[in-house]
N, C-alpha and C. Protein backbone atom coordinates (compact mmCIF):
# COMPACT_ATOMS: atom_id res chain seq x y z
N PHE A 1 -1.28 18.94 3.77
CA PHE A 1 -2.74 18.13 4.80
C PHE A 1 -3.13 19.40 6.07
N THR A 2 -4.17 19.31 5.93
CA THR A 2 -4.79 20.50 6.68
C THR A 2 -4.45 19.29 8.45
N PRO A 3 -4.79 19.81 9.22
CA PRO A 3 -4.82 19.09 10.72
C PRO A 3 -6.18 18.22 10.59
N GLY A 4 -6.06 16.90 10.93
CA GLY A 4 -7.08 16.38 11.08
C GLY A 4 -7.38 15.68 9.80
N ASP A 5 -6.43 15.38 8.46
CA ASP A 5 -6.65 15.23 7.67
C ASP A 5 -6.59 13.51 7.69
N GLY A 6 -6.56 12.46 6.82
CA GLY A 6 -6.06 11.53 7.07
C GLY A 6 -5.61 10.57 5.69
N ILE A 7 -5.50 9.25 5.94
CA ILE A 7 -5.36 8.90 4.13
C ILE A 7 -5.99 7.45 4.46
N ASP A 8 -6.52 7.23 3.18
CA ASP A 8 -7.23 5.93 3.12
C ASP A 8 -6.07 5.10 1.94
N ILE A 9 -5.94 3.86 1.95
CA ILE A 9 -5.42 3.44 1.07
C ILE A 9 -6.54 2.17 0.46
N ILE A 10 -6.71 1.77 -0.62
CA ILE A 10 -7.21 0.84 -1.36
C ILE A 10 -6.70 0.07 -1.97
N VAL A 11 -6.48 -1.01 -1.59
CA VAL A 11 -5.89 -2.37 -2.90
C VAL A 11 -7.16 -3.19 -3.14
N ASP A 12 -7.52 -2.47 -4.41
CA ASP A 12 -8.09 -3.47 -5.42
C ASP A 12 -7.59 -5.43 -5.66
N GLY A 13 -6.81 -4.58 -6.32
CA GLY A 13 -6.05 -5.91 -6.35
C GLY A 13 -4.23 -6.35 -7.14
N ALA A 14 -4.12 -7.11 -7.71
CA ALA A 14 -2.18 -6.55 -8.26
C ALA A 14 -2.62 -7.31 -9.40
N ARG A 15 -1.61 -7.21 -10.55
CA ARG A 15 -1.75 -7.70 -11.85
C ARG A 15 -0.50 -8.20 -12.01
N GLY A 16 -0.90 -9.18 -12.91
CA GLY A 16 0.82 -9.27 -13.79
C GLY A 16 1.94 -10.31 -12.66
N LEU A 17 1.09 -10.82 -11.73
CA LEU A 17 2.21 -11.70 -10.88
C LEU A 17 3.26 -12.78 -11.37
N PRO A 18 4.18 -13.08 -10.97
CA PRO A 18 4.91 -13.65 -12.06
C PRO A 18 4.46 -15.69 -11.79
N ASP A 19 4.17 -16.12 -13.22
CA ASP A 19 3.67 -17.56 -13.49
C ASP A 19 3.78 -18.73 -12.02
N ASN A 20 4.52 -18.18 -11.27
CA ASN A 20 5.02 -19.45 -10.79
C ASN A 20 4.35 -18.91 -9.03
N THR A 21 3.53 -18.07 -8.75
CA THR A 21 2.56 -17.13 -8.30
C THR A 21 1.42 -18.52 -7.59
N GLY A 22 1.57 -18.85 -6.29
CA GLY A 22 0.33 -19.32 -5.56
C GLY A 22 -0.39 -18.10 -4.69
N ALA A 23 -1.06 -18.95 -3.90
CA ALA A 23 -1.84 -17.81 -3.14
C ALA A 23 -1.04 -16.74 -2.57
N SER A 24 -1.68 -15.59 -2.09
CA SER A 24 -0.95 -14.64 -1.89
C SER A 24 -1.30 -13.79 -0.92
N LYS A 25 -0.98 -12.48 -0.39
CA LYS A 25 -1.14 -11.70 0.54
C LYS A 25 -1.09 -10.41 0.14
N ILE A 26 -1.08 -9.25 0.31
CA ILE A 26 -0.85 -8.03 0.43
C ILE A 26 -0.41 -7.67 1.60
N VAL A 27 0.59 -6.50 1.86
CA VAL A 27 0.93 -6.01 3.40
C VAL A 27 0.92 -5.09 3.23
N VAL A 28 0.33 -3.63 3.87
CA VAL A 28 0.37 -1.81 3.74
C VAL A 28 1.08 -2.11 5.17
N ARG A 29 2.16 -0.90 5.02
CA ARG A 29 2.18 -0.19 5.77
C ARG A 29 3.41 1.01 5.78
N ALA A 30 2.99 2.30 6.41
CA ALA A 30 3.69 3.53 6.16
C ALA A 30 5.04 3.76 7.29
N ILE A 31 6.09 4.15 6.83
CA ILE A 31 7.01 4.24 7.49
C ILE A 31 7.30 5.71 7.16
N ALA A 32 7.60 6.50 8.30
CA ALA A 32 8.73 7.81 8.31
C ALA A 32 9.05 7.79 9.14
N ASP A 33 10.42 8.43 9.23
CA ASP A 33 11.81 8.69 9.89
C ASP A 33 11.73 7.32 11.02
N ARG A 34 12.16 6.00 10.26
CA ARG A 34 12.79 5.23 9.82
C ARG A 34 11.39 3.95 11.35
N ARG A 35 10.38 4.84 11.55
CA ARG A 35 9.32 4.51 12.24
C ARG A 35 8.26 3.88 11.81
N THR A 36 7.08 2.70 12.04
CA THR A 36 5.99 2.41 11.23
C THR A 36 4.93 3.56 11.79
N VAL A 37 4.39 4.20 10.85
CA VAL A 37 3.32 5.09 10.94
C VAL A 37 2.12 4.66 11.47
N GLY A 38 1.11 4.24 12.51
CA GLY A 38 -0.07 3.83 11.99
C GLY A 38 0.16 2.11 12.76
N GLU A 39 -0.69 1.37 11.77
CA GLU A 39 -0.61 -0.20 11.78
C GLU A 39 -0.20 -0.65 10.94
N GLU A 40 0.28 -1.92 10.54
CA GLU A 40 0.21 -2.46 9.60
C GLU A 40 -1.10 -3.13 8.96
N HIS A 41 -1.17 -3.18 7.77
CA HIS A 41 -2.43 -4.16 7.92
C HIS A 41 -2.39 -5.28 6.06
N SER A 42 -3.11 -5.99 6.09
CA SER A 42 -3.12 -7.12 5.51
C SER A 42 -4.13 -7.51 5.19
N ALA A 43 -4.18 -8.35 3.51
CA ALA A 43 -5.26 -9.31 3.57
C ALA A 43 -4.86 -10.80 2.53
N PHE A 44 -6.01 -11.36 2.05
CA PHE A 44 -5.40 -12.75 1.59
C PHE A 44 -5.76 -12.51 -0.22
N ALA A 45 -5.76 -12.58 -0.89
CA ALA A 45 -6.51 -12.50 -1.65
C ALA A 45 -7.41 -13.91 -2.14
N ASP A 46 -8.60 -13.03 -2.67
CA ASP A 46 -9.75 -14.03 -2.58
C ASP A 46 -9.16 -15.05 -3.02
N ILE A 47 -10.21 -15.81 -3.09
CA ILE A 47 -10.33 -17.21 -3.06
C ILE A 47 -10.32 -17.91 -4.69
N GLU A 48 -11.35 -16.98 -4.83
CA GLU A 48 -12.23 -17.26 -6.22
C GLU A 48 -11.25 -16.47 -7.43
N SER A 49 -10.34 -15.27 -6.90
CA SER A 49 -9.49 -14.80 -8.24
C SER A 49 -8.39 -15.69 -8.50
N SER A 50 -7.39 -14.74 -9.73
CA SER A 50 -6.64 -15.99 -10.49
C SER A 50 -5.13 -15.34 -9.63
N CYS A 51 -4.22 -15.98 -9.35
CA CYS A 51 -3.52 -16.00 -8.74
C CYS A 51 -2.30 -15.29 -9.39
N PHE A 52 -2.60 -14.31 -10.54
CA PHE A 52 -1.66 -13.83 -11.29
C PHE A 52 -2.57 -12.46 -11.67
N ASN A 53 -3.69 -12.52 -11.12
CA ASN A 53 -3.91 -11.63 -10.84
C ASN A 53 -4.95 -11.31 -9.62
N PRO A 54 -4.47 -11.39 -8.45
CA PRO A 54 -5.91 -11.42 -7.84
C PRO A 54 -6.40 -10.73 -7.02
N ARG A 55 -7.35 -10.22 -6.31
CA ARG A 55 -8.18 -9.25 -5.53
C ARG A 55 -7.76 -9.79 -3.96
N TYR A 56 -7.87 -8.46 -3.81
CA TYR A 56 -7.24 -8.39 -2.29
C TYR A 56 -8.40 -7.29 -1.60
N ASP A 57 -8.95 -6.75 -2.04
CA ASP A 57 -10.36 -5.55 -1.41
C ASP A 57 -9.61 -5.04 -0.07
N LEU A 58 -8.33 -4.80 0.56
CA LEU A 58 -7.94 -3.89 1.30
C LEU A 58 -8.42 -2.47 0.76
N ARG A 59 -8.64 -2.13 2.66
CA ARG A 59 -8.82 -0.76 3.05
C ARG A 59 -8.08 -0.76 4.46
N SER A 60 -7.13 0.26 3.93
CA SER A 60 -6.72 0.74 4.95
C SER A 60 -6.29 2.39 5.05
N GLU A 61 -6.79 2.42 6.54
CA GLU A 61 -6.93 4.12 6.79
C GLU A 61 -5.60 4.45 8.27
N LEU A 62 -5.22 5.66 7.36
CA LEU A 62 -4.39 5.92 8.33
C LEU A 62 -4.72 7.53 8.96
N ARG A 63 -4.67 7.83 10.25
CA ARG A 63 -5.11 9.49 10.91
C ARG A 63 -4.45 9.37 11.82
N ALA A 64 -3.89 10.89 11.74
CA ALA A 64 -2.86 11.52 12.61
C ALA A 64 -3.23 13.32 12.54
N SER A 65 -3.02 13.77 13.11
CA SER A 65 -3.45 14.96 13.15
C SER A 65 -2.33 15.50 12.61
N SER A 66 -1.40 15.18 11.77
CA SER A 66 0.03 16.07 11.26
C SER A 66 0.17 14.23 10.36
N PHE A 67 0.85 15.09 9.27
CA PHE A 67 1.72 12.94 9.15
C PHE A 67 2.96 13.98 8.24
N ASP A 68 4.09 13.39 8.64
CA ASP A 68 5.63 13.83 8.13
C ASP A 68 5.50 13.48 6.60
N PRO A 69 6.06 14.43 6.24
CA PRO A 69 5.65 14.17 4.47
C PRO A 69 6.75 14.14 3.45
N THR A 70 7.74 12.89 4.27
CA THR A 70 8.51 12.17 3.77
C THR A 70 7.58 10.81 3.81
N THR A 71 7.09 10.53 4.19
CA THR A 71 6.32 8.93 4.78
C THR A 71 6.00 8.52 3.36
N THR A 72 6.39 7.76 4.00
CA THR A 72 6.17 5.92 2.82
C THR A 72 5.46 5.23 2.52
N ILE A 73 4.98 4.92 1.95
CA ILE A 73 3.68 3.76 2.40
C ILE A 73 4.18 2.38 0.99
N LEU A 74 4.44 1.21 1.71
CA LEU A 74 5.14 0.09 1.47
C LEU A 74 3.99 -0.54 0.81
N PHE A 75 3.95 -1.02 -0.18
CA PHE A 75 3.14 -1.79 -0.38
C PHE A 75 4.01 -3.56 -0.77
N ARG A 76 3.38 -4.68 0.13
CA ARG A 76 4.48 -5.62 -0.27
C ARG A 76 3.59 -7.25 -0.55
N ILE A 77 3.57 -7.95 -1.88
CA ILE A 77 3.17 -9.04 -1.70
C ILE A 77 3.78 -10.32 -1.55
N ASP A 78 2.84 -10.97 -0.60
CA ASP A 78 3.75 -12.26 -0.36
C ASP A 78 3.09 -13.66 -1.17
N ALA A 79 3.80 -14.19 -1.72
CA ALA A 79 3.04 -15.27 -2.47
C ALA A 79 3.85 -17.04 -2.10
N LEU A 80 2.95 -17.85 -2.43
CA LEU A 80 3.68 -19.20 -2.11
C LEU A 80 4.11 -19.41 -4.03
N ASP A 81 5.56 -19.91 -3.58
CA ASP A 81 6.19 -20.46 -5.28
C ASP A 81 5.94 -21.71 -5.25
N GLU A 82 4.70 -22.00 -6.16
CA GLU A 82 4.64 -22.94 -6.50
C GLU A 82 5.41 -23.39 -6.98
N ASP A 83 6.88 -23.22 -7.56
CA ASP A 83 7.71 -24.47 -7.74
C ASP A 83 8.47 -24.86 -6.32
N ALA A 84 8.28 -24.20 -5.81
CA ALA A 84 8.82 -23.99 -4.44
C ALA A 84 8.14 -24.64 -3.21
N PRO A 85 8.71 -24.79 -1.65
CA PRO A 85 7.94 -25.22 -0.85
C PRO A 85 8.38 -23.42 -0.18
N MET A 86 8.16 -22.66 -0.44
CA MET A 86 8.89 -21.44 0.47
C MET A 86 7.74 -20.15 0.20
N SER A 87 7.75 -19.22 0.74
CA SER A 87 7.24 -18.19 0.20
C SER A 87 8.25 -17.19 -0.29
N ILE A 88 7.74 -16.19 -0.94
CA ILE A 88 8.53 -14.91 -1.98
C ILE A 88 7.92 -14.05 -1.67
N ALA A 89 8.19 -12.64 -1.54
CA ALA A 89 8.18 -11.19 -1.89
C ALA A 89 8.18 -10.90 -2.73
N THR A 90 7.12 -10.54 -3.56
CA THR A 90 7.57 -10.44 -5.25
C THR A 90 7.39 -8.97 -5.63
N LYS A 91 6.90 -7.80 -5.40
CA LYS A 91 6.66 -6.64 -5.48
C LYS A 91 6.41 -5.52 -3.75
N HIS A 92 7.11 -4.30 -4.16
CA HIS A 92 7.09 -3.47 -3.36
C HIS A 92 7.03 -1.92 -3.65
N GLU A 93 6.53 -1.07 -2.65
CA GLU A 93 6.90 0.34 -2.20
C GLU A 93 6.87 1.27 -3.34
N ASP A 94 6.38 2.41 -3.23
CA ASP A 94 5.57 3.11 -3.52
C ASP A 94 5.49 4.56 -2.16
N SER A 95 5.61 5.61 -2.74
CA SER A 95 6.30 6.92 -1.96
C SER A 95 5.10 8.00 -2.26
N MET A 96 4.93 9.13 -1.19
CA MET A 96 3.69 9.68 -0.57
C MET A 96 4.26 11.24 -1.29
N GLU A 97 5.08 11.21 -1.92
CA GLU A 97 5.95 12.32 -1.38
C GLU A 97 4.81 13.20 -2.46
N HIS A 98 5.15 12.59 -3.96
CA HIS A 98 4.00 13.61 -4.95
C HIS A 98 3.37 13.39 -4.91
N SER A 99 2.29 13.30 -3.71
CA SER A 99 1.18 12.77 -3.24
C SER A 99 1.06 14.69 -2.70
N VAL A 100 1.97 14.61 -2.01
CA VAL A 100 1.97 15.45 -0.81
C VAL A 100 2.42 16.66 -1.04
N GLU A 101 3.51 16.54 -2.08
CA GLU A 101 3.60 18.04 -3.19
C GLU A 101 2.60 18.28 -3.67
N HIS A 102 2.03 17.53 -4.67
CA HIS A 102 0.71 18.15 -5.24
C HIS A 102 -0.35 18.96 -4.25
N SER A 103 -0.70 18.24 -3.42
CA SER A 103 -1.65 18.49 -2.34
C SER A 103 -0.86 20.66 -1.94
N LYS A 104 -0.03 20.01 -1.62
CA LYS A 104 0.95 21.80 -1.37
C LYS A 104 0.64 22.83 -2.73
N GLN A 105 0.94 22.57 -3.86
CA GLN A 105 0.68 23.02 -4.68
C GLN A 105 -0.43 23.28 -5.20
N SER A 106 -1.69 22.82 -5.01
CA SER A 106 -2.94 22.68 -5.21
C SER A 106 -3.33 23.54 -4.05
N LYS A 107 -3.11 23.66 -3.05
CA LYS A 107 -3.45 25.14 -2.26
C LYS A 107 -3.36 26.38 -2.30
N LYS A 108 -1.91 26.13 -2.78
CA LYS A 108 -1.31 27.72 -3.38
C LYS A 108 -2.15 27.76 -4.45
N GLN A 109 -2.76 27.05 -5.76
CA GLN A 109 -3.20 27.79 -6.17
C GLN A 109 -4.68 28.15 -6.18
N GLN A 110 -5.22 27.23 -5.02
CA GLN A 110 -6.41 28.20 -4.88
C GLN A 110 -6.87 29.59 -4.30
N PRO A 111 -7.99 30.05 -4.46
CA PRO A 111 -8.34 31.48 -3.88
C PRO A 111 -8.61 31.46 -2.61
N LYS A 112 -8.01 32.25 -1.91
CA LYS A 112 -8.69 32.71 -0.80
C LYS A 112 -9.96 33.62 -0.57
């Protein structure tokens, strides 16, 4: 990354949630060195979408002068369990490490 670059996180939806999933919400946040980077963002599923393949249409922007290369993006889906009166977390976690490394390699390969 170069100074002033940012990260855009776009979540259109989810696929293949468990059969007992009811209404759901996605929560996205970035963590580096045991601290949250920027703000936590969340969105409820579109009421007209399927419970098993919900649409969230979430856009989150992280802006900073620099980012720690160990930054991890966490995706958590909170859902109501249709069979029990409690919420459950169904899926989460992805890492930016690969995209940061790819970005560094791409810059090395570019002519100067």
